[in-house]
Amino acid sequence: MVFTASAFAAVAAANPFADASEPKLLHVWFLGEEAVNADTKRLGEIATESKIGALLDALDQ
């Protein structure tokens, strides 16, 4: 899997935790392949609740 510099820039720009008190403690993970048996409904709820959806949207660009 290869990501372009612009893809990483989009993820960084979409950081919903930019005002975190310890920004160096924020990490981003990328799956090497699609998750099997993922509870996508619950993941969507969590993403909405925690603003992570902004990061996911950035990857779709």
PDB file of N, CA and C in Angstrom:
ATOM      1  N   MET A   1       0.843  -1.156   0.000  1.00  0.00           N
ATOM      2  CA  MET A   1       0.000   0.000   0.000  1.00  0.00           C
ATOM      3  C   MET A   1       0.897   1.230   0.000  1.00  0.00           C
ATOM      4  N   VAL A   2       0.597   2.164  -0.877  1.00  0.00           N
ATOM      5  CA  VAL A   2       1.390   3.377  -0.986  1.00  0.00           C
ATOM      6  C   VAL A   2       0.464   4.583  -0.861  1.00  0.00           C
ATOM      7  N   PHE A   3       0.842   5.514  -0.029  1.00  0.00           N
ATOM      8  CA  PHE A   3       0.100   6.758   0.122  1.00  0.00           C
ATOM      9  C   PHE A   3       0.946   7.899  -0.430  1.00  0.00           C
ATOM     10  N   THR A   4       0.295   8.836  -1.048  1.00  0.00           N
ATOM     11  CA  THR A   4       1.004  10.002  -1.563  1.00  0.00           C
ATOM     12  C   THR A   4       1.194  11.026  -0.455  1.00  0.00           C
ATOM     13  N   ALA A   5       2.092  11.948  -0.685  1.00  0.00           N
ATOM     14  CA  ALA A   5       2.310  13.027   0.275  1.00  0.00           C
ATOM     15  C   ALA A   5       1.041  13.841   0.453  1.00  0.00           C
ATOM     16  N   SER A   6       0.287  14.025  -0.628  1.00  0.00           N
ATOM     17  CA  SER A   6      -0.952  14.807  -0.513  1.00  0.00           C
ATOM     18  C   SER A   6      -1.988  14.071   0.332  1.00  0.00           C
ATOM     19  N   ALA A   7      -1.993  12.726   0.292  1.00  0.00           N
ATOM     20  CA  ALA A   7      -2.922  11.968   1.142  1.00  0.00           C
ATOM     21  C   ALA A   7      -2.571  12.169   2.611  1.00  0.00           C
ATOM     22  N   PHE A   8      -1.287  12.122   2.947  1.00  0.00           N
ATOM     23  CA  PHE A   8      -0.881  12.353   4.331  1.00  0.00           C
ATOM     24  C   PHE A   8      -1.175  13.795   4.746  1.00  0.00           C
ATOM     25  N   ALA A   9      -0.968  14.735   3.857  1.00  0.00           N
ATOM     26  CA  ALA A   9      -1.274  16.132   4.161  1.00  0.00           C
ATOM     27  C   ALA A   9      -2.768  16.305   4.439  1.00  0.00           C
ATOM     28  N   ALA A  10      -3.611  15.606   3.683  1.00  0.00           N
ATOM     29  CA  ALA A  10      -5.055  15.686   3.898  1.00  0.00           C
ATOM     30  C   ALA A  10      -5.434  15.124   5.264  1.00  0.00           C
ATOM     31  N   VAL A  11      -4.793  14.036   5.667  1.00  0.00           N
ATOM     32  CA  VAL A  11      -5.064  13.461   6.987  1.00  0.00           C
ATOM     33  C   VAL A  11      -4.641  14.443   8.079  1.00  0.00           C
ATOM     34  N   ALA A  12      -3.470  15.021   7.947  1.00  0.00           N
ATOM     35  CA  ALA A  12      -2.993  15.982   8.942  1.00  0.00           C
ATOM     36  C   ALA A  12      -3.898  17.216   8.999  1.00  0.00           C
ATOM     37  N   ALA A  13      -4.340  17.688   7.857  1.00  0.00           N
ATOM     38  CA  ALA A  13      -5.209  18.872   7.818  1.00  0.00           C
ATOM     39  C   ALA A  13      -6.578  18.594   8.422  1.00  0.00           C
ATOM     40  N   ALA A  14      -7.031  17.349   8.350  1.00  0.00           N
ATOM     41  CA  ALA A  14      -8.351  16.990   8.874  1.00  0.00           C
ATOM     42  C   ALA A  14      -8.298  16.583  10.347  1.00  0.00           C
ATOM     43  N   ASN A  15      -7.176  16.744  10.993  1.00  0.00           N
ATOM     44  CA  ASN A  15      -7.015  16.344  12.385  1.00  0.00           C
ATOM     45  C   ASN A  15      -8.072  17.017  13.265  1.00  0.00           C
ATOM     46  N   PRO A  16      -9.027  16.254  13.790  1.00  0.00           N
ATOM     47  CA  PRO A  16     -10.055  16.853  14.641  1.00  0.00           C
ATOM     48  C   PRO A  16      -9.554  17.153  16.049  1.00  0.00           C
ATOM     49  N   PHE A  17      -8.324  16.776  16.342  1.00  0.00           N
ATOM     50  CA  PHE A  17      -7.764  16.983  17.666  1.00  0.00           C
ATOM     51  C   PHE A  17      -6.612  17.993  17.645  1.00  0.00           C
ATOM     52  N   ALA A  18      -6.662  18.937  16.747  1.00  0.00           N
ATOM     53  CA  ALA A  18      -5.576  19.914  16.595  1.00  0.00           C
ATOM     54  C   ALA A  18      -5.349  20.721  17.869  1.00  0.00           C
ATOM     55  N   ASP A  19      -6.374  20.864  18.694  1.00  0.00           N
ATOM     56  CA  ASP A  19      -6.239  21.643  19.930  1.00  0.00           C
ATOM     57  C   ASP A  19      -5.907  20.767  21.138  1.00  0.00           C
ATOM     58  N   ALA A  20      -5.481  19.542  20.907  1.00  0.00           N
ATOM     59  CA  ALA A  20      -5.145  18.630  22.003  1.00  0.00           C
ATOM     60  C   ALA A  20      -3.974  19.180  22.809  1.00  0.00           C
ATOM     61  N   SER A  21      -3.991  18.908  24.108  1.00  0.00           N
ATOM     62  CA  SER A  21      -2.920  19.419  24.965  1.00  0.00           C
ATOM     63  C   SER A  21      -1.587  18.727  24.700  1.00  0.00           C
ATOM     64  N   GLU A  22      -1.616  17.510  24.192  1.00  0.00           N
ATOM     65  CA  GLU A  22      -0.399  16.762  23.863  1.00  0.00           C
ATOM     66  C   GLU A  22      -0.496  16.250  22.423  1.00  0.00           C
ATOM     67  N   PRO A  23      -0.370  17.136  21.429  1.00  0.00           N
ATOM     68  CA  PRO A  23      -0.561  16.707  20.037  1.00  0.00           C
ATOM     69  C   PRO A  23       0.412  15.638  19.579  1.00  0.00           C
ATOM     70  N   LYS A  24       1.596  15.549  20.183  1.00  0.00           N
ATOM     71  CA  LYS A  24       2.547  14.528  19.758  1.00  0.00           C
ATOM     72  C   LYS A  24       2.120  13.120  20.183  1.00  0.00           C
ATOM     73  N   LEU A  25       1.070  13.026  20.998  1.00  0.00           N
ATOM     74  CA  LEU A  25       0.573  11.725  21.422  1.00  0.00           C
ATOM     75  C   LEU A  25      -0.514  11.179  20.501  1.00  0.00           C
ATOM     76  N   LEU A  26      -0.897  11.943  19.490  1.00  0.00           N
ATOM     77  CA  LEU A  26      -1.908  11.509  18.533  1.00  0.00           C
ATOM     78  C   LEU A  26      -1.260  10.643  17.460  1.00  0.00           C
ATOM     79  N   HIS A  27      -1.846   9.497  17.201  1.00  0.00           N
ATOM     80  CA  HIS A  27      -1.315   8.570  16.199  1.00  0.00           C
ATOM     81  C   HIS A  27      -2.397   8.221  15.198  1.00  0.00           C
ATOM     82  N   VAL A  28      -1.975   7.918  13.988  1.00  0.00           N
ATOM     83  CA  VAL A  28      -2.893   7.494  12.930  1.00  0.00           C
ATOM     84  C   VAL A  28      -2.431   6.132  12.448  1.00  0.00           C
ATOM     85  N   TRP A  29      -3.380   5.212  12.288  1.00  0.00           N
ATOM     86  CA  TRP A  29      -3.074   3.891  11.768  1.00  0.00           C
ATOM     87  C   TRP A  29      -3.776   3.696  10.441  1.00  0.00           C
ATOM     88  N   PHE A  30      -3.138   2.958   9.570  1.00  0.00           N
ATOM     89  CA  PHE A  30      -3.718   2.599   8.278  1.00  0.00           C
ATOM     90  C   PHE A  30      -3.732   1.075   8.198  1.00  0.00           C
ATOM     91  N   LEU A  31      -4.872   0.529   7.860  1.00  0.00           N
ATOM     92  CA  LEU A  31      -4.970  -0.915   7.697  1.00  0.00           C
ATOM     93  C   LEU A  31      -4.359  -1.324   6.369  1.00  0.00           C
ATOM     94  N   GLY A  32      -3.675  -2.451   6.363  1.00  0.00           N
ATOM     95  CA  GLY A  32      -3.074  -2.963   5.143  1.00  0.00           C
ATOM     96  C   GLY A  32      -4.092  -3.570   4.192  1.00  0.00           C
ATOM     97  N   GLU A  33      -5.245  -3.923   4.734  1.00  0.00           N
ATOM     98  CA  GLU A  33      -6.322  -4.479   3.917  1.00  0.00           C
ATOM     99  C   GLU A  33      -7.643  -4.203   4.629  1.00  0.00           C
ATOM    100  N   GLU A  34      -8.714  -4.420   3.931  1.00  0.00           N
ATOM    101  CA  GLU A  34     -10.029  -4.169   4.503  1.00  0.00           C
ATOM    102  C   GLU A  34     -10.266  -5.080   5.707  1.00  0.00           C
ATOM    103  N   ALA A  35     -10.830  -4.516   6.760  1.00  0.00           N
ATOM    104  CA  ALA A  35     -11.116  -5.296   7.962  1.00  0.00           C
ATOM    105  C   ALA A  35     -12.210  -6.322   7.684  1.00  0.00           C
ATOM    106  N   VAL A  36     -12.005  -7.520   8.180  1.00  0.00           N
ATOM    107  CA  VAL A  36     -12.980  -8.596   8.013  1.00  0.00           C
ATOM    108  C   VAL A  36     -13.931  -8.578   9.206  1.00  0.00           C
ATOM    109  N   ASN A  37     -15.208  -8.693   8.926  1.00  0.00           N
ATOM    110  CA  ASN A  37     -16.232  -8.720   9.970  1.00  0.00           C
ATOM    111  C   ASN A  37     -16.244  -7.458  10.831  1.00  0.00           C
ATOM    112  N   ALA A  38     -15.891  -6.345  10.262  1.00  0.00           N
ATOM    113  CA  ALA A  38     -15.894  -5.091  11.007  1.00  0.00           C
ATOM    114  C   ALA A  38     -17.330  -4.647  11.262  1.00  0.00           C
ATOM    115  N   ASP A  39     -17.573  -4.152  12.444  1.00  0.00           N
ATOM    116  CA  ASP A  39     -18.891  -3.611  12.788  1.00  0.00           C
ATOM    117  C   ASP A  39     -18.922  -2.169  12.288  1.00  0.00           C
ATOM    118  N   THR A  40     -19.141  -2.011  10.989  1.00  0.00           N
ATOM    119  CA  THR A  40     -19.057  -0.688  10.373  1.00  0.00           C
ATOM    120  C   THR A  40     -20.095   0.283  10.921  1.00  0.00           C
ATOM    121  N   LYS A  41     -21.241  -0.215  11.328  1.00  0.00           N
ATOM    122  CA  LYS A  41     -22.256   0.672  11.915  1.00  0.00           C
ATOM    123  C   LYS A  41     -21.721   1.287  13.203  1.00  0.00           C
ATOM    124  N   ARG A  42     -21.177   0.454  14.073  1.00  0.00           N
ATOM    125  CA  ARG A  42     -20.641   0.963  15.343  1.00  0.00           C
ATOM    126  C   ARG A  42     -19.412   1.822  15.103  1.00  0.00           C
ATOM    127  N   LEU A  43     -18.560   1.442  14.177  1.00  0.00           N
ATOM    128  CA  LEU A  43     -17.388   2.266  13.868  1.00  0.00           C
ATOM    129  C   LEU A  43     -17.820   3.655  13.401  1.00  0.00           C
ATOM    130  N   GLY A  44     -18.888   3.714  12.605  1.00  0.00           N
ATOM    131  CA  GLY A  44     -19.414   5.001  12.168  1.00  0.00           C
ATOM    132  C   GLY A  44     -19.921   5.832  13.318  1.00  0.00           C
ATOM    133  N   GLU A  45     -20.577   5.178  14.283  1.00  0.00           N
ATOM    134  CA  GLU A  45     -21.070   5.886  15.471  1.00  0.00           C
ATOM    135  C   GLU A  45     -19.907   6.439  16.283  1.00  0.00           C
ATOM    136  N   ILE A  46     -18.880   5.613  16.466  1.00  0.00           N
ATOM    137  CA  ILE A  46     -17.706   6.052  17.221  1.00  0.00           C
ATOM    138  C   ILE A  46     -17.020   7.204  16.503  1.00  0.00           C
ATOM    139  N   ALA A  47     -16.880   7.085  15.194  1.00  0.00           N
ATOM    140  CA  ALA A  47     -16.238   8.143  14.417  1.00  0.00           C
ATOM    141  C   ALA A  47     -16.989   9.451  14.572  1.00  0.00           C
ATOM    142  N   THR A  48     -18.306   9.391  14.546  1.00  0.00           N
ATOM    143  CA  THR A  48     -19.119  10.593  14.701  1.00  0.00           C
ATOM    144  C   THR A  48     -18.977  11.159  16.106  1.00  0.00           C
ATOM    145  N   GLU A  49     -19.006  10.289  17.089  1.00  0.00           N
ATOM    146  CA  GLU A  49     -18.906  10.716  18.485  1.00  0.00           C
ATOM    147  C   GLU A  49     -17.558  11.352  18.799  1.00  0.00           C
ATOM    148  N   SER A  50     -16.504  10.876  18.167  1.00  0.00           N
ATOM    149  CA  SER A  50     -15.164  11.341  18.523  1.00  0.00           C
ATOM    150  C   SER A  50     -14.495  12.189  17.446  1.00  0.00           C
ATOM    151  N   LYS A  51     -15.226  12.531  16.418  1.00  0.00           N
ATOM    152  CA  LYS A  51     -14.726  13.373  15.331  1.00  0.00           C
ATOM    153  C   LYS A  51     -13.715  12.664  14.432  1.00  0.00           C
ATOM    154  N   ILE A  52     -13.520  11.393  14.594  1.00  0.00           N
ATOM    155  CA  ILE A  52     -12.558  10.668  13.771  1.00  0.00           C
ATOM    156  C   ILE A  52     -13.032  10.611  12.323  1.00  0.00           C
ATOM    157  N   GLY A  53     -14.317  10.783  12.109  1.00  0.00           N
ATOM    158  CA  GLY A  53     -14.846  10.762  10.758  1.00  0.00           C
ATOM    159  C   GLY A  53     -14.156  11.735   9.835  1.00  0.00           C
ATOM    160  N   ALA A  54     -13.701  12.857  10.357  1.00  0.00           N
ATOM    161  CA  ALA A  54     -12.986  13.843   9.540  1.00  0.00           C
ATOM    162  C   ALA A  54     -11.712  13.239   8.960  1.00  0.00           C
ATOM    163  N   LEU A  55     -11.042  12.414   9.741  1.00  0.00           N
ATOM    164  CA  LEU A  55      -9.832  11.756   9.241  1.00  0.00           C
ATOM    165  C   LEU A  55     -10.177  10.733   8.170  1.00  0.00           C
ATOM    166  N   LEU A  56     -11.241   9.986   8.407  1.00  0.00           N
ATOM    167  CA  LEU A  56     -11.649   8.988   7.414  1.00  0.00           C
ATOM    168  C   LEU A  56     -12.047   9.649   6.116  1.00  0.00           C
ATOM    169  N   ASP A  57     -12.753  10.767   6.203  1.00  0.00           N
ATOM    170  CA  ASP A  57     -13.146  11.501   5.002  1.00  0.00           C
ATOM    171  C   ASP A  57     -11.926  11.992   4.235  1.00  0.00           C
ATOM    172  N   ALA A  58     -10.888  12.407   4.950  1.00  0.00           N
ATOM    173  CA  ALA A  58      -9.678  12.913   4.298  1.00  0.00           C
ATOM    174  C   ALA A  58      -9.006  11.818   3.470  1.00  0.00           C
ATOM    175  N   LEU A  59      -9.078  10.589   3.942  1.00  0.00           N
ATOM    176  CA  LEU A  59      -8.451   9.498   3.210  1.00  0.00           C
ATOM    177  C   LEU A  59      -9.190   9.190   1.918  1.00  0.00           C
ATOM    178  N   ASP A  60     -10.471   9.500   1.863  1.00  0.00           N
ATOM    179  CA  ASP A  60     -11.258   9.233   0.666  1.00  0.00           C
ATOM    180  C   ASP A  60     -10.987  10.228  -0.453  1.00  0.00           C
ATOM    181  N   GLN A  61     -10.215  11.264  -0.174  1.00  0.00           N
ATOM    182  CA  GLN A  61      -9.948  12.297  -1.188  1.00  0.00           C
ATOM    183  C   GLN A  61      -8.912  11.846  -2.172  1.00  0.00           C
TER     184      GLN A  61
END
